[in-house]
């Protein structure tokens, strides 16, 4: 029996180690893909629910859940794009048609766009900055989880993330902010990695 128990322990350890190696490989090689390169099909309803559950497993001081999601898929992507284009046209009445068409396609490049909305607000105990950081962690969890599912992603903001009129028309409250628009789709052809920081340049010891 002891031998059998040790066998199970060793097998469990090897499985855990394999999973850890796969996780580290994903983290070490992850990179963003241009939104225009992301193709159909996007996540299914079940895959999306799983992604949002994983995205929500982040450090959350005080268990405030200072974030929420807005899903843009199907026709909703085009409606959102029309909002962006219409606001842009009001700001820049001399904008060329090609530029307005670009703004109109902002949400329809990828099969799915998930807006992570930060609901950070003053709190008697929890610093607002920590709530903001939590929303950023949600964005990163979402991108990693989608990559692990076999999708490619890009985390974008763009000018309309900071435009009060656009945000209001997308359903945000005045105190809410966009932590990121996560575009999700099928991966493009492999791409070369971009330059990454040299750790010795950004690390000191206390």
N, C-alpha and C. Protein backbone atom coordinates (compact mmCIF):
# COMPACT_ATOMS: atom_id res chain seq x y z
N UNK A 1 0.81 -1.23 0.00
CA UNK A 1 0.00 0.00 0.00
C UNK A 1 0.83 1.27 0.00
N UNK A 2 1.90 1.32 0.85
CA UNK A 2 2.72 2.53 0.81
C UNK A 2 3.28 2.81 -0.57
N UNK A 3 3.68 1.70 -1.26
CA UNK A 3 4.22 1.88 -2.60
C UNK A 3 3.19 2.46 -3.55
N UNK A 4 1.95 1.94 -3.45
CA UNK A 4 0.89 2.46 -4.30
C UNK A 4 0.60 3.93 -3.99
N UNK A 5 0.61 4.26 -2.70
CA UNK A 5 0.36 5.66 -2.31
C UNK A 5 1.43 6.57 -2.87
N UNK A 6 2.68 6.11 -2.78
CA UNK A 6 3.78 6.92 -3.32
C UNK A 6 3.65 7.08 -4.82
N UNK A 7 3.16 6.01 -5.49
CA UNK A 7 2.96 6.09 -6.94
C UNK A 7 1.95 7.18 -7.28
N UNK A 8 0.83 7.19 -6.53
CA UNK A 8 -0.19 8.21 -6.78
C UNK A 8 0.33 9.61 -6.51
N UNK A 9 1.12 9.75 -5.44
CA UNK A 9 1.69 11.05 -5.13
C UNK A 9 2.63 11.52 -6.23
N UNK A 10 3.46 10.57 -6.72
CA UNK A 10 4.40 10.93 -7.78
C UNK A 10 3.67 11.30 -9.05
N UNK A 11 2.62 10.53 -9.38
CA UNK A 11 1.85 10.82 -10.59
C UNK A 11 1.16 12.18 -10.48
N UNK A 12 0.60 12.45 -9.29
CA UNK A 12 -0.06 13.74 -9.07
C UNK A 12 0.94 14.88 -9.21
N UNK A 13 2.15 14.67 -8.67
CA UNK A 13 3.17 15.72 -8.75
C UNK A 13 3.58 15.97 -10.19
N UNK A 14 3.75 14.88 -10.97
CA UNK A 14 4.14 15.03 -12.36
C UNK A 14 3.06 15.76 -13.15
N UNK A 15 1.81 15.42 -12.88
CA UNK A 15 0.70 16.11 -13.57
C UNK A 15 0.70 17.59 -13.21
N UNK A 16 0.89 17.89 -11.93
CA UNK A 16 0.92 19.28 -11.48
C UNK A 16 2.09 20.02 -12.12
N UNK A 17 3.25 19.33 -12.17
CA UNK A 17 4.43 19.95 -12.76
C UNK A 17 4.22 20.22 -14.24
N UNK A 18 3.56 19.28 -14.95
CA UNK A 18 3.28 19.47 -16.37
C UNK A 18 2.37 20.68 -16.57
N UNK A 19 1.32 20.75 -15.73
CA UNK A 19 0.42 21.90 -15.84
C UNK A 19 1.13 23.21 -15.55
N UNK A 20 2.03 23.19 -14.57
CA UNK A 20 2.79 24.39 -14.23
C UNK A 20 3.68 24.81 -15.39
N UNK A 21 4.33 23.82 -16.02
CA UNK A 21 5.19 24.13 -17.16
C UNK A 21 4.39 24.74 -18.30
N UNK A 22 3.20 24.22 -18.56
CA UNK A 22 2.35 24.76 -19.61
C UNK A 22 1.91 26.19 -19.28
N UNK A 23 1.60 26.42 -18.01
CA UNK A 23 1.20 27.76 -17.58
C UNK A 23 2.34 28.75 -17.77
N UNK A 24 3.54 28.35 -17.34
CA UNK A 24 4.70 29.23 -17.47
C UNK A 24 5.03 29.49 -18.94
N UNK A 25 4.87 28.46 -19.76
CA UNK A 25 5.14 28.63 -21.19
C UNK A 25 4.17 29.64 -21.80
N UNK A 26 2.90 29.54 -21.41
CA UNK A 26 1.90 30.49 -21.90
C UNK A 26 2.25 31.90 -21.47
N UNK A 27 2.60 32.08 -20.20
CA UNK A 27 2.94 33.40 -19.70
C UNK A 27 4.20 33.95 -20.35
N UNK A 28 5.15 33.06 -20.65
CA UNK A 28 6.43 33.50 -21.20
C UNK A 28 6.33 33.85 -22.69
N UNK A 29 5.32 33.34 -23.37
CA UNK A 29 5.24 33.53 -24.83
C UNK A 29 4.04 34.36 -25.26
N UNK A 30 3.16 34.71 -24.31
CA UNK A 30 1.95 35.47 -24.66
C UNK A 30 2.30 36.80 -25.31
N UNK A 31 1.56 37.15 -26.33
CA UNK A 31 1.66 38.50 -26.89
C UNK A 31 0.33 38.88 -27.52
N UNK A 32 0.13 40.16 -27.69
CA UNK A 32 -1.12 40.66 -28.26
C UNK A 32 -1.12 40.49 -29.77
N UNK A 33 -2.32 40.47 -30.32
CA UNK A 33 -2.49 40.39 -31.77
C UNK A 33 -3.31 41.59 -32.22
N UNK A 34 -3.03 42.15 -33.40
CA UNK A 34 -3.84 43.29 -33.87
C UNK A 34 -5.31 42.92 -33.94
N UNK A 35 -6.17 43.82 -33.53
CA UNK A 35 -7.61 43.52 -33.52
C UNK A 35 -8.11 43.11 -34.90
N UNK A 36 -7.58 43.75 -35.94
CA UNK A 36 -8.03 43.46 -37.31
C UNK A 36 -7.64 42.07 -37.77
N UNK A 37 -6.72 41.42 -37.06
CA UNK A 37 -6.27 40.08 -37.47
C UNK A 37 -7.07 38.97 -36.79
N UNK A 38 -7.94 39.32 -35.86
CA UNK A 38 -8.68 38.31 -35.10
C UNK A 38 -9.92 37.87 -35.89
N UNK A 39 -10.04 36.58 -36.08
CA UNK A 39 -11.09 36.06 -36.96
C UNK A 39 -12.11 35.23 -36.19
N UNK A 40 -13.21 34.94 -36.85
CA UNK A 40 -14.25 34.07 -36.32
C UNK A 40 -13.73 32.62 -36.28
N UNK A 41 -14.36 31.79 -35.47
CA UNK A 41 -15.43 32.09 -34.52
C UNK A 41 -14.88 32.59 -33.20
N UNK A 42 -15.70 33.37 -32.51
CA UNK A 42 -15.33 33.80 -31.17
C UNK A 42 -15.75 32.75 -30.16
N UNK A 43 -15.61 33.06 -28.89
CA UNK A 43 -16.01 32.12 -27.84
C UNK A 43 -17.50 31.82 -27.89
N UNK A 44 -17.85 30.58 -27.55
CA UNK A 44 -19.25 30.22 -27.38
C UNK A 44 -19.76 30.84 -26.08
N UNK A 45 -21.07 30.73 -25.86
CA UNK A 45 -21.64 31.26 -24.62
C UNK A 45 -21.02 30.58 -23.40
N UNK A 46 -20.79 29.27 -23.50
CA UNK A 46 -20.19 28.55 -22.38
C UNK A 46 -18.74 28.96 -22.17
N UNK A 47 -18.00 29.14 -23.26
CA UNK A 47 -16.62 29.57 -23.15
C UNK A 47 -16.52 30.98 -22.57
N UNK A 48 -17.42 31.85 -22.99
CA UNK A 48 -17.42 33.22 -22.48
C UNK A 48 -17.71 33.25 -20.99
N UNK A 49 -18.69 32.46 -20.55
CA UNK A 49 -18.99 32.41 -19.12
C UNK A 49 -17.78 31.93 -18.32
N UNK A 50 -17.10 30.92 -18.85
CA UNK A 50 -15.90 30.42 -18.17
C UNK A 50 -14.82 31.50 -18.13
N UNK A 51 -14.66 32.24 -19.22
CA UNK A 51 -13.66 33.31 -19.26
C UNK A 51 -13.95 34.38 -18.22
N UNK A 52 -15.21 34.77 -18.10
CA UNK A 52 -15.56 35.84 -17.16
C UNK A 52 -15.41 35.38 -15.71
N UNK A 53 -15.68 34.10 -15.47
CA UNK A 53 -15.47 33.57 -14.12
C UNK A 53 -13.99 33.60 -13.75
N UNK A 54 -13.14 33.19 -14.69
CA UNK A 54 -11.70 33.21 -14.44
C UNK A 54 -11.20 34.64 -14.31
N UNK A 55 -11.70 35.52 -15.17
CA UNK A 55 -11.29 36.93 -15.11
C UNK A 55 -11.60 37.53 -13.75
N UNK A 56 -12.67 37.05 -13.12
CA UNK A 56 -13.12 37.62 -11.85
C UNK A 56 -12.38 37.06 -10.64
N UNK A 57 -11.52 36.08 -10.86
CA UNK A 57 -10.74 35.51 -9.74
C UNK A 57 -9.46 36.32 -9.55
N UNK A 58 -9.62 37.47 -8.98
CA UNK A 58 -8.49 38.39 -8.77
C UNK A 58 -8.46 38.85 -7.32
N UNK A 59 -7.31 39.34 -6.86
CA UNK A 59 -7.29 39.95 -5.53
C UNK A 59 -8.29 41.10 -5.48
N UNK A 60 -9.09 41.13 -4.44
CA UNK A 60 -10.17 42.13 -4.34
C UNK A 60 -10.31 42.52 -2.87
N UNK A 61 -9.53 43.49 -2.46
CA UNK A 61 -9.52 43.95 -1.07
C UNK A 61 -10.91 44.42 -0.66
N UNK A 62 -11.46 43.78 0.36
CA UNK A 62 -12.78 44.15 0.83
C UNK A 62 -13.91 43.46 0.09
N UNK A 63 -13.57 42.63 -0.91
CA UNK A 63 -14.59 41.93 -1.71
C UNK A 63 -15.64 42.90 -2.26
N UNK A 64 -15.17 44.00 -2.82
CA UNK A 64 -16.07 45.04 -3.33
C UNK A 64 -16.57 44.74 -4.74
N UNK A 65 -15.85 43.90 -5.47
CA UNK A 65 -16.12 43.65 -6.90
C UNK A 65 -16.23 44.99 -7.64
N UNK A 66 -15.15 45.75 -7.68
CA UNK A 66 -15.19 47.08 -8.28
C UNK A 66 -15.02 47.05 -9.80
N UNK A 67 -15.69 46.13 -10.45
CA UNK A 67 -15.65 46.05 -11.91
C UNK A 67 -16.92 45.38 -12.40
N UNK A 68 -17.19 45.52 -13.67
CA UNK A 68 -18.27 44.80 -14.34
C UNK A 68 -17.91 44.65 -15.80
N UNK A 69 -18.68 43.84 -16.53
CA UNK A 69 -18.40 43.56 -17.93
C UNK A 69 -19.52 44.06 -18.84
N UNK A 70 -19.16 44.54 -20.01
CA UNK A 70 -20.12 44.81 -21.08
C UNK A 70 -19.67 43.98 -22.28
N UNK A 71 -20.57 43.19 -22.83
CA UNK A 71 -20.24 42.28 -23.93
C UNK A 71 -20.71 42.88 -25.26
N UNK A 72 -19.82 42.93 -26.22
CA UNK A 72 -20.15 43.40 -27.57
C UNK A 72 -19.90 42.24 -28.54
N UNK A 73 -20.95 41.68 -29.07
CA UNK A 73 -20.82 40.63 -30.07
C UNK A 73 -21.99 40.73 -31.04
N UNK A 74 -21.83 40.13 -32.21
CA UNK A 74 -22.90 40.20 -33.20
C UNK A 74 -23.21 41.62 -33.60
N UNK A 75 -24.49 41.92 -33.72
CA UNK A 75 -24.94 43.23 -34.17
C UNK A 75 -24.59 44.33 -33.17
N UNK A 76 -24.46 43.98 -31.90
CA UNK A 76 -24.13 44.97 -30.89
C UNK A 76 -22.80 45.66 -31.18
N UNK A 77 -21.87 44.95 -31.81
CA UNK A 77 -20.58 45.56 -32.17
C UNK A 77 -20.77 46.71 -33.14
N UNK A 78 -21.69 46.53 -34.09
CA UNK A 78 -21.93 47.56 -35.09
C UNK A 78 -22.66 48.77 -34.49
N UNK A 79 -23.58 48.49 -33.56
CA UNK A 79 -24.27 49.60 -32.89
C UNK A 79 -23.28 50.44 -32.09
N UNK A 80 -22.37 49.77 -31.42
CA UNK A 80 -21.35 50.49 -30.65
C UNK A 80 -20.45 51.30 -31.58
N UNK A 81 -20.12 50.72 -32.72
CA UNK A 81 -19.29 51.43 -33.68
C UNK A 81 -19.97 52.67 -34.23
N UNK A 82 -21.26 52.59 -34.44
CA UNK A 82 -22.02 53.76 -34.92
C UNK A 82 -21.99 54.87 -33.87
N UNK A 83 -22.05 54.51 -32.60
CA UNK A 83 -21.96 55.51 -31.53
C UNK A 83 -20.62 56.22 -31.58
N UNK A 84 -19.55 55.43 -31.68
CA UNK A 84 -18.20 56.01 -31.73
C UNK A 84 -18.07 56.94 -32.93
N UNK A 85 -18.54 56.49 -34.10
CA UNK A 85 -18.41 57.29 -35.32
C UNK A 85 -19.23 58.57 -35.24
N UNK A 86 -20.42 58.49 -34.66
CA UNK A 86 -21.28 59.67 -34.60
C UNK A 86 -20.69 60.73 -33.66
N UNK A 87 -20.12 60.29 -32.53
CA UNK A 87 -19.50 61.24 -31.61
C UNK A 87 -18.25 61.85 -32.25
N UNK A 88 -17.49 61.02 -32.95
CA UNK A 88 -16.29 61.53 -33.61
C UNK A 88 -16.67 62.57 -34.67
N UNK A 89 -17.75 62.30 -35.42
CA UNK A 89 -18.18 63.23 -36.46
C UNK A 89 -18.59 64.58 -35.86
N UNK A 90 -19.19 64.57 -34.69
CA UNK A 90 -19.55 65.83 -34.03
C UNK A 90 -18.31 66.60 -33.58
N UNK A 91 -17.31 65.86 -33.12
CA UNK A 91 -16.08 66.50 -32.67
C UNK A 91 -15.28 67.05 -33.84
N UNK A 92 -15.31 66.31 -34.95
CA UNK A 92 -14.50 66.67 -36.12
C UNK A 92 -15.39 66.66 -37.36
N UNK A 93 -16.18 67.72 -37.54
CA UNK A 93 -17.14 67.76 -38.65
C UNK A 93 -16.49 67.69 -40.02
N UNK A 94 -15.20 67.98 -40.12
CA UNK A 94 -14.51 67.91 -41.40
C UNK A 94 -13.80 66.58 -41.62
N UNK A 95 -14.06 65.61 -40.76
CA UNK A 95 -13.40 64.31 -40.87
C UNK A 95 -13.73 63.64 -42.19
N UNK A 96 -12.74 63.02 -42.79
CA UNK A 96 -12.94 62.33 -44.06
C UNK A 96 -13.75 61.05 -43.85
N UNK A 97 -14.40 60.62 -44.92
CA UNK A 97 -15.24 59.43 -44.85
C UNK A 97 -14.44 58.20 -44.42
N UNK A 98 -13.21 58.10 -44.90
CA UNK A 98 -12.38 56.95 -44.55
C UNK A 98 -12.12 56.90 -43.05
N UNK A 99 -11.92 58.06 -42.45
CA UNK A 99 -11.68 58.11 -41.01
C UNK A 99 -12.93 57.72 -40.23
N UNK A 100 -14.08 58.20 -40.68
CA UNK A 100 -15.33 57.84 -40.02
C UNK A 100 -15.61 56.34 -40.16
N UNK A 101 -15.27 55.78 -41.31
CA UNK A 101 -15.44 54.34 -41.50
C UNK A 101 -14.55 53.56 -40.54
N UNK A 102 -13.34 54.06 -40.32
CA UNK A 102 -12.43 53.41 -39.37
C UNK A 102 -13.04 53.43 -37.97
N UNK A 103 -13.57 54.58 -37.56
CA UNK A 103 -14.18 54.68 -36.23
C UNK A 103 -15.40 53.77 -36.13
N UNK A 104 -16.13 53.65 -37.21
CA UNK A 104 -17.33 52.82 -37.23
C UNK A 104 -17.00 51.33 -37.05
N UNK A 105 -15.79 50.94 -37.43
CA UNK A 105 -15.39 49.52 -37.34
C UNK A 105 -14.68 49.18 -36.03
N UNK A 106 -14.59 50.11 -35.12
CA UNK A 106 -13.80 49.91 -33.89
C UNK A 106 -14.17 48.63 -33.15
N UNK A 107 -15.46 48.32 -33.09
CA UNK A 107 -15.92 47.17 -32.31
C UNK A 107 -16.20 45.93 -33.15
N UNK A 108 -16.06 46.04 -34.45
CA UNK A 108 -16.42 44.91 -35.31
C UNK A 108 -15.21 44.22 -35.93
N UNK A 109 -14.00 44.60 -35.52
CA UNK A 109 -12.81 43.96 -36.07
C UNK A 109 -12.67 42.53 -35.56
N UNK A 110 -12.95 42.32 -34.29
CA UNK A 110 -12.84 41.00 -33.68
C UNK A 110 -14.25 40.43 -33.45
N UNK A 111 -14.36 39.11 -33.34
CA UNK A 111 -15.69 38.51 -33.11
C UNK A 111 -16.33 38.92 -31.79
N UNK A 112 -15.49 39.20 -30.80
CA UNK A 112 -16.00 39.54 -29.47
C UNK A 112 -15.16 40.64 -28.85
N UNK A 113 -15.82 41.59 -28.23
CA UNK A 113 -15.14 42.62 -27.45
C UNK A 113 -15.78 42.64 -26.06
N UNK A 114 -14.94 42.54 -25.04
CA UNK A 114 -15.41 42.62 -23.66
C UNK A 114 -14.87 43.90 -23.04
N UNK A 115 -15.77 44.77 -22.64
CA UNK A 115 -15.35 45.97 -21.91
C UNK A 115 -15.28 45.63 -20.43
N UNK A 116 -14.13 45.88 -19.85
CA UNK A 116 -13.98 45.75 -18.39
C UNK A 116 -14.16 47.15 -17.82
N UNK A 117 -15.21 47.32 -17.05
CA UNK A 117 -15.57 48.64 -16.51
C UNK A 117 -15.12 48.73 -15.05
N UNK A 118 -14.32 49.71 -14.76
CA UNK A 118 -13.90 49.95 -13.38
C UNK A 118 -14.97 50.74 -12.65
N UNK A 119 -15.39 50.21 -11.49
CA UNK A 119 -16.37 50.90 -10.66
C UNK A 119 -15.71 51.44 -9.39
N UNK A 120 -14.41 51.66 -9.47
CA UNK A 120 -13.68 52.16 -8.30
C UNK A 120 -14.30 53.46 -7.80
N UNK A 121 -14.41 53.57 -6.49
CA UNK A 121 -15.02 54.75 -5.88
C UNK A 121 -14.46 54.93 -4.48
N UNK A 122 -14.53 56.15 -3.95
CA UNK A 122 -14.05 56.37 -2.58
C UNK A 122 -14.73 55.41 -1.60
N UNK A 123 -13.92 54.91 -0.66
CA UNK A 123 -14.42 53.95 0.33
C UNK A 123 -13.75 54.26 1.67
N UNK A 124 -14.46 54.02 2.74
CA UNK A 124 -13.94 54.38 4.07
C UNK A 124 -12.71 53.56 4.46
N UNK A 125 -12.56 52.35 3.89
CA UNK A 125 -11.44 51.49 4.26
C UNK A 125 -10.54 51.09 3.09
N UNK A 126 -11.13 50.91 1.91
CA UNK A 126 -10.38 50.38 0.77
C UNK A 126 -9.92 51.51 -0.13
N UNK A 127 -8.60 51.71 -0.30
CA UNK A 127 -8.12 52.78 -1.18
C UNK A 127 -8.66 52.62 -2.60
N UNK A 128 -9.04 53.73 -3.18
CA UNK A 128 -9.58 53.69 -4.54
C UNK A 128 -8.55 53.15 -5.53
N UNK A 129 -7.27 53.47 -5.31
CA UNK A 129 -6.21 53.01 -6.20
C UNK A 129 -6.16 51.49 -6.24
N UNK A 130 -6.38 50.82 -5.10
CA UNK A 130 -6.37 49.37 -5.07
C UNK A 130 -7.53 48.80 -5.88
N UNK A 131 -8.65 49.48 -5.87
CA UNK A 131 -9.80 49.05 -6.66
C UNK A 131 -9.49 49.16 -8.16
N UNK A 132 -8.78 50.23 -8.53
CA UNK A 132 -8.39 50.42 -9.93
C UNK A 132 -7.45 49.29 -10.36
N UNK A 133 -6.48 48.96 -9.51
CA UNK A 133 -5.55 47.89 -9.82
C UNK A 133 -6.27 46.56 -10.00
N UNK A 134 -7.30 46.34 -9.20
CA UNK A 134 -8.08 45.11 -9.32
C UNK A 134 -8.71 44.99 -10.71
N UNK A 135 -9.23 46.09 -11.23
CA UNK A 135 -9.83 46.06 -12.57
C UNK A 135 -8.78 45.73 -13.63
N UNK A 136 -7.57 46.25 -13.46
CA UNK A 136 -6.49 45.91 -14.37
C UNK A 136 -6.16 44.43 -14.31
N UNK A 137 -6.20 43.86 -13.10
CA UNK A 137 -5.95 42.43 -12.95
C UNK A 137 -7.03 41.61 -13.65
N UNK A 138 -8.26 42.09 -13.63
CA UNK A 138 -9.35 41.43 -14.35
C UNK A 138 -9.04 41.38 -15.84
N UNK A 139 -8.58 42.50 -16.39
CA UNK A 139 -8.23 42.55 -17.81
C UNK A 139 -7.15 41.53 -18.15
N UNK A 140 -6.12 41.45 -17.30
CA UNK A 140 -5.03 40.53 -17.58
C UNK A 140 -5.47 39.09 -17.44
N UNK A 141 -6.27 38.79 -16.41
CA UNK A 141 -6.79 37.43 -16.26
C UNK A 141 -7.61 37.03 -17.48
N UNK A 142 -8.39 37.96 -17.99
CA UNK A 142 -9.24 37.66 -19.14
C UNK A 142 -8.41 37.36 -20.37
N UNK A 143 -7.37 38.14 -20.61
CA UNK A 143 -6.53 37.89 -21.78
C UNK A 143 -5.81 36.54 -21.66
N UNK A 144 -5.27 36.24 -20.48
CA UNK A 144 -4.56 34.98 -20.29
C UNK A 144 -5.51 33.79 -20.44
N UNK A 145 -6.69 33.90 -19.84
CA UNK A 145 -7.66 32.81 -19.93
C UNK A 145 -8.08 32.56 -21.38
N UNK A 146 -8.31 33.64 -22.13
CA UNK A 146 -8.68 33.49 -23.54
C UNK A 146 -7.55 32.86 -24.34
N UNK A 147 -6.32 33.26 -24.06
CA UNK A 147 -5.17 32.65 -24.73
C UNK A 147 -5.09 31.17 -24.41
N UNK A 148 -5.36 30.80 -23.16
CA UNK A 148 -5.32 29.39 -22.76
C UNK A 148 -6.41 28.58 -23.45
N UNK A 149 -7.53 29.24 -23.80
CA UNK A 149 -8.60 28.58 -24.54
C UNK A 149 -8.27 28.44 -26.03
N UNK A 150 -7.18 29.04 -26.47
CA UNK A 150 -6.81 28.95 -27.88
C UNK A 150 -7.13 30.18 -28.69
N UNK A 151 -7.63 31.24 -28.02
CA UNK A 151 -7.93 32.48 -28.71
C UNK A 151 -6.74 33.43 -28.64
N UNK A 152 -6.74 34.42 -29.52
CA UNK A 152 -5.79 35.52 -29.45
C UNK A 152 -6.54 36.74 -28.95
N UNK A 153 -5.80 37.67 -28.37
CA UNK A 153 -6.44 38.83 -27.75
C UNK A 153 -5.61 40.08 -27.94
N UNK A 154 -6.26 41.21 -27.72
CA UNK A 154 -5.54 42.47 -27.57
C UNK A 154 -6.35 43.35 -26.61
N UNK A 155 -5.65 43.99 -25.71
CA UNK A 155 -6.25 44.87 -24.69
C UNK A 155 -6.05 46.30 -25.19
N UNK A 156 -7.17 46.98 -25.53
CA UNK A 156 -7.11 48.32 -26.09
C UNK A 156 -7.91 49.31 -25.23
N UNK A 157 -7.62 50.58 -25.47
CA UNK A 157 -8.42 51.63 -24.84
C UNK A 157 -8.95 52.57 -25.92
N UNK A 158 -8.07 53.29 -26.61
CA UNK A 158 -8.44 54.25 -27.66
C UNK A 158 -9.11 55.48 -27.06
N UNK A 159 -9.31 56.50 -27.88
CA UNK A 159 -9.77 57.80 -27.41
C UNK A 159 -11.15 57.73 -26.77
N UNK A 160 -12.01 56.85 -27.29
CA UNK A 160 -13.39 56.81 -26.82
C UNK A 160 -13.50 56.22 -25.41
N UNK A 161 -12.43 55.61 -24.90
CA UNK A 161 -12.45 55.13 -23.52
C UNK A 161 -12.50 56.30 -22.53
N UNK A 162 -12.13 57.48 -23.01
CA UNK A 162 -12.04 58.66 -22.15
C UNK A 162 -13.03 59.75 -22.55
N UNK A 163 -13.94 59.41 -23.44
CA UNK A 163 -14.92 60.39 -23.90
C UNK A 163 -16.24 60.20 -23.15
N UNK A 164 -16.64 61.21 -22.41
CA UNK A 164 -17.82 61.10 -21.55
C UNK A 164 -19.09 60.79 -22.35
N UNK A 165 -19.22 61.39 -23.53
CA UNK A 165 -20.43 61.16 -24.32
C UNK A 165 -20.51 59.72 -24.80
N UNK A 166 -19.40 59.21 -25.34
CA UNK A 166 -19.38 57.82 -25.80
C UNK A 166 -19.68 56.88 -24.63
N UNK A 167 -19.02 57.11 -23.51
CA UNK A 167 -19.21 56.22 -22.36
C UNK A 167 -20.65 56.24 -21.88
N UNK A 168 -21.25 57.40 -21.86
CA UNK A 168 -22.65 57.48 -21.46
C UNK A 168 -23.55 56.71 -22.40
N UNK A 169 -23.30 56.82 -23.70
CA UNK A 169 -24.11 56.11 -24.69
C UNK A 169 -23.88 54.61 -24.65
N UNK A 170 -22.71 54.18 -24.15
CA UNK A 170 -22.43 52.75 -24.00
C UNK A 170 -22.99 52.20 -22.69
N UNK A 171 -23.54 53.08 -21.85
CA UNK A 171 -24.19 52.62 -20.64
C UNK A 171 -23.40 52.75 -19.36
N UNK A 172 -22.29 53.50 -19.40
CA UNK A 172 -21.51 53.69 -18.18
C UNK A 172 -22.09 54.81 -17.33
N UNK A 173 -21.99 54.65 -16.03
CA UNK A 173 -22.37 55.72 -15.10
C UNK A 173 -21.27 56.77 -15.08
N UNK A 174 -21.57 57.99 -14.65
CA UNK A 174 -20.57 59.07 -14.67
C UNK A 174 -19.30 58.74 -13.90
N UNK A 175 -19.39 57.92 -12.84
CA UNK A 175 -18.19 57.62 -12.04
C UNK A 175 -17.41 56.43 -12.58
N UNK A 176 -17.96 55.69 -13.54
CA UNK A 176 -17.31 54.49 -14.06
C UNK A 176 -16.29 54.85 -15.15
N UNK A 177 -15.29 53.99 -15.28
CA UNK A 177 -14.25 54.18 -16.30
C UNK A 177 -13.98 52.86 -17.01
N UNK A 178 -13.44 52.97 -18.21
CA UNK A 178 -13.05 51.78 -18.96
C UNK A 178 -11.64 51.36 -18.53
N UNK A 179 -11.53 50.15 -17.99
CA UNK A 179 -10.21 49.60 -17.69
C UNK A 179 -9.58 49.04 -18.97
N UNK A 180 -10.40 48.56 -19.87
CA UNK A 180 -9.89 48.07 -21.14
C UNK A 180 -10.99 47.43 -21.97
N UNK A 181 -10.81 47.50 -23.28
CA UNK A 181 -11.63 46.75 -24.21
C UNK A 181 -10.79 45.55 -24.65
N UNK A 182 -11.21 44.34 -24.28
CA UNK A 182 -10.47 43.14 -24.62
C UNK A 182 -11.09 42.53 -25.88
N UNK A 183 -10.34 42.57 -26.97
CA UNK A 183 -10.79 42.01 -28.25
C UNK A 183 -10.34 40.56 -28.32
N UNK A 184 -11.26 39.66 -28.66
CA UNK A 184 -10.98 38.22 -28.63
C UNK A 184 -11.42 37.58 -29.94
N UNK A 185 -10.55 36.74 -30.51
CA UNK A 185 -10.87 36.02 -31.73
C UNK A 185 -9.87 34.92 -31.97
N UNK A 186 -9.95 34.33 -33.14
CA UNK A 186 -9.02 33.27 -33.50
C UNK A 186 -7.68 33.88 -33.86
N UNK A 187 -6.59 33.17 -33.52
CA UNK A 187 -5.26 33.78 -33.70
C UNK A 187 -4.87 33.91 -35.15
N UNK A 188 -4.09 34.94 -35.47
CA UNK A 188 -3.53 35.09 -36.81
C UNK A 188 -2.30 34.19 -36.95
N UNK A 189 -1.61 34.33 -38.05
CA UNK A 189 -0.37 33.59 -38.23
C UNK A 189 0.62 33.99 -37.14
N UNK A 190 1.55 33.09 -36.80
CA UNK A 190 2.54 33.41 -35.75
C UNK A 190 3.29 34.71 -36.08
N UNK A 191 3.55 35.49 -35.04
CA UNK A 191 4.23 36.76 -35.22
C UNK A 191 5.49 36.78 -34.36
N UNK A 192 6.48 37.52 -34.83
CA UNK A 192 7.69 37.68 -34.03
C UNK A 192 7.36 38.48 -32.77
N UNK A 193 8.07 38.14 -31.70
CA UNK A 193 7.85 38.87 -30.46
C UNK A 193 8.41 40.28 -30.57
N UNK A 194 7.86 41.18 -29.79
CA UNK A 194 8.38 42.54 -29.74
C UNK A 194 9.46 42.62 -28.67
N UNK A 195 10.27 43.68 -28.68
CA UNK A 195 11.28 43.82 -27.63
C UNK A 195 10.65 43.87 -26.25
N UNK A 196 11.29 43.18 -25.30
CA UNK A 196 10.80 43.14 -23.93
C UNK A 196 11.82 43.80 -22.99
N UNK A 197 11.39 44.24 -21.82
CA UNK A 197 12.33 44.90 -20.91
C UNK A 197 13.48 43.99 -20.50
N UNK A 198 14.65 44.57 -20.34
CA UNK A 198 15.78 43.87 -19.76
C UNK A 198 15.62 43.96 -18.24
N UNK A 199 15.47 42.82 -17.60
CA UNK A 199 15.11 42.83 -16.18
C UNK A 199 16.13 43.58 -15.33
N UNK A 200 17.40 43.46 -15.67
CA UNK A 200 18.43 44.16 -14.89
C UNK A 200 18.27 45.67 -14.97
N UNK A 201 17.61 46.16 -16.03
CA UNK A 201 17.40 47.60 -16.17
C UNK A 201 16.27 48.12 -15.30
N UNK A 202 15.39 47.24 -14.87
CA UNK A 202 14.20 47.68 -14.15
C UNK A 202 14.11 47.07 -12.75
N UNK A 203 15.22 46.48 -12.28
CA UNK A 203 15.22 45.84 -10.97
C UNK A 203 16.33 46.39 -10.10
N UNK A 204 15.98 46.66 -8.86
CA UNK A 204 16.97 47.01 -7.85
C UNK A 204 16.70 46.14 -6.62
N UNK A 205 17.69 46.04 -5.76
CA UNK A 205 17.51 45.31 -4.50
C UNK A 205 17.60 46.31 -3.36
N UNK A 206 16.72 46.16 -2.41
CA UNK A 206 16.69 47.06 -1.25
C UNK A 206 17.65 46.55 -0.17
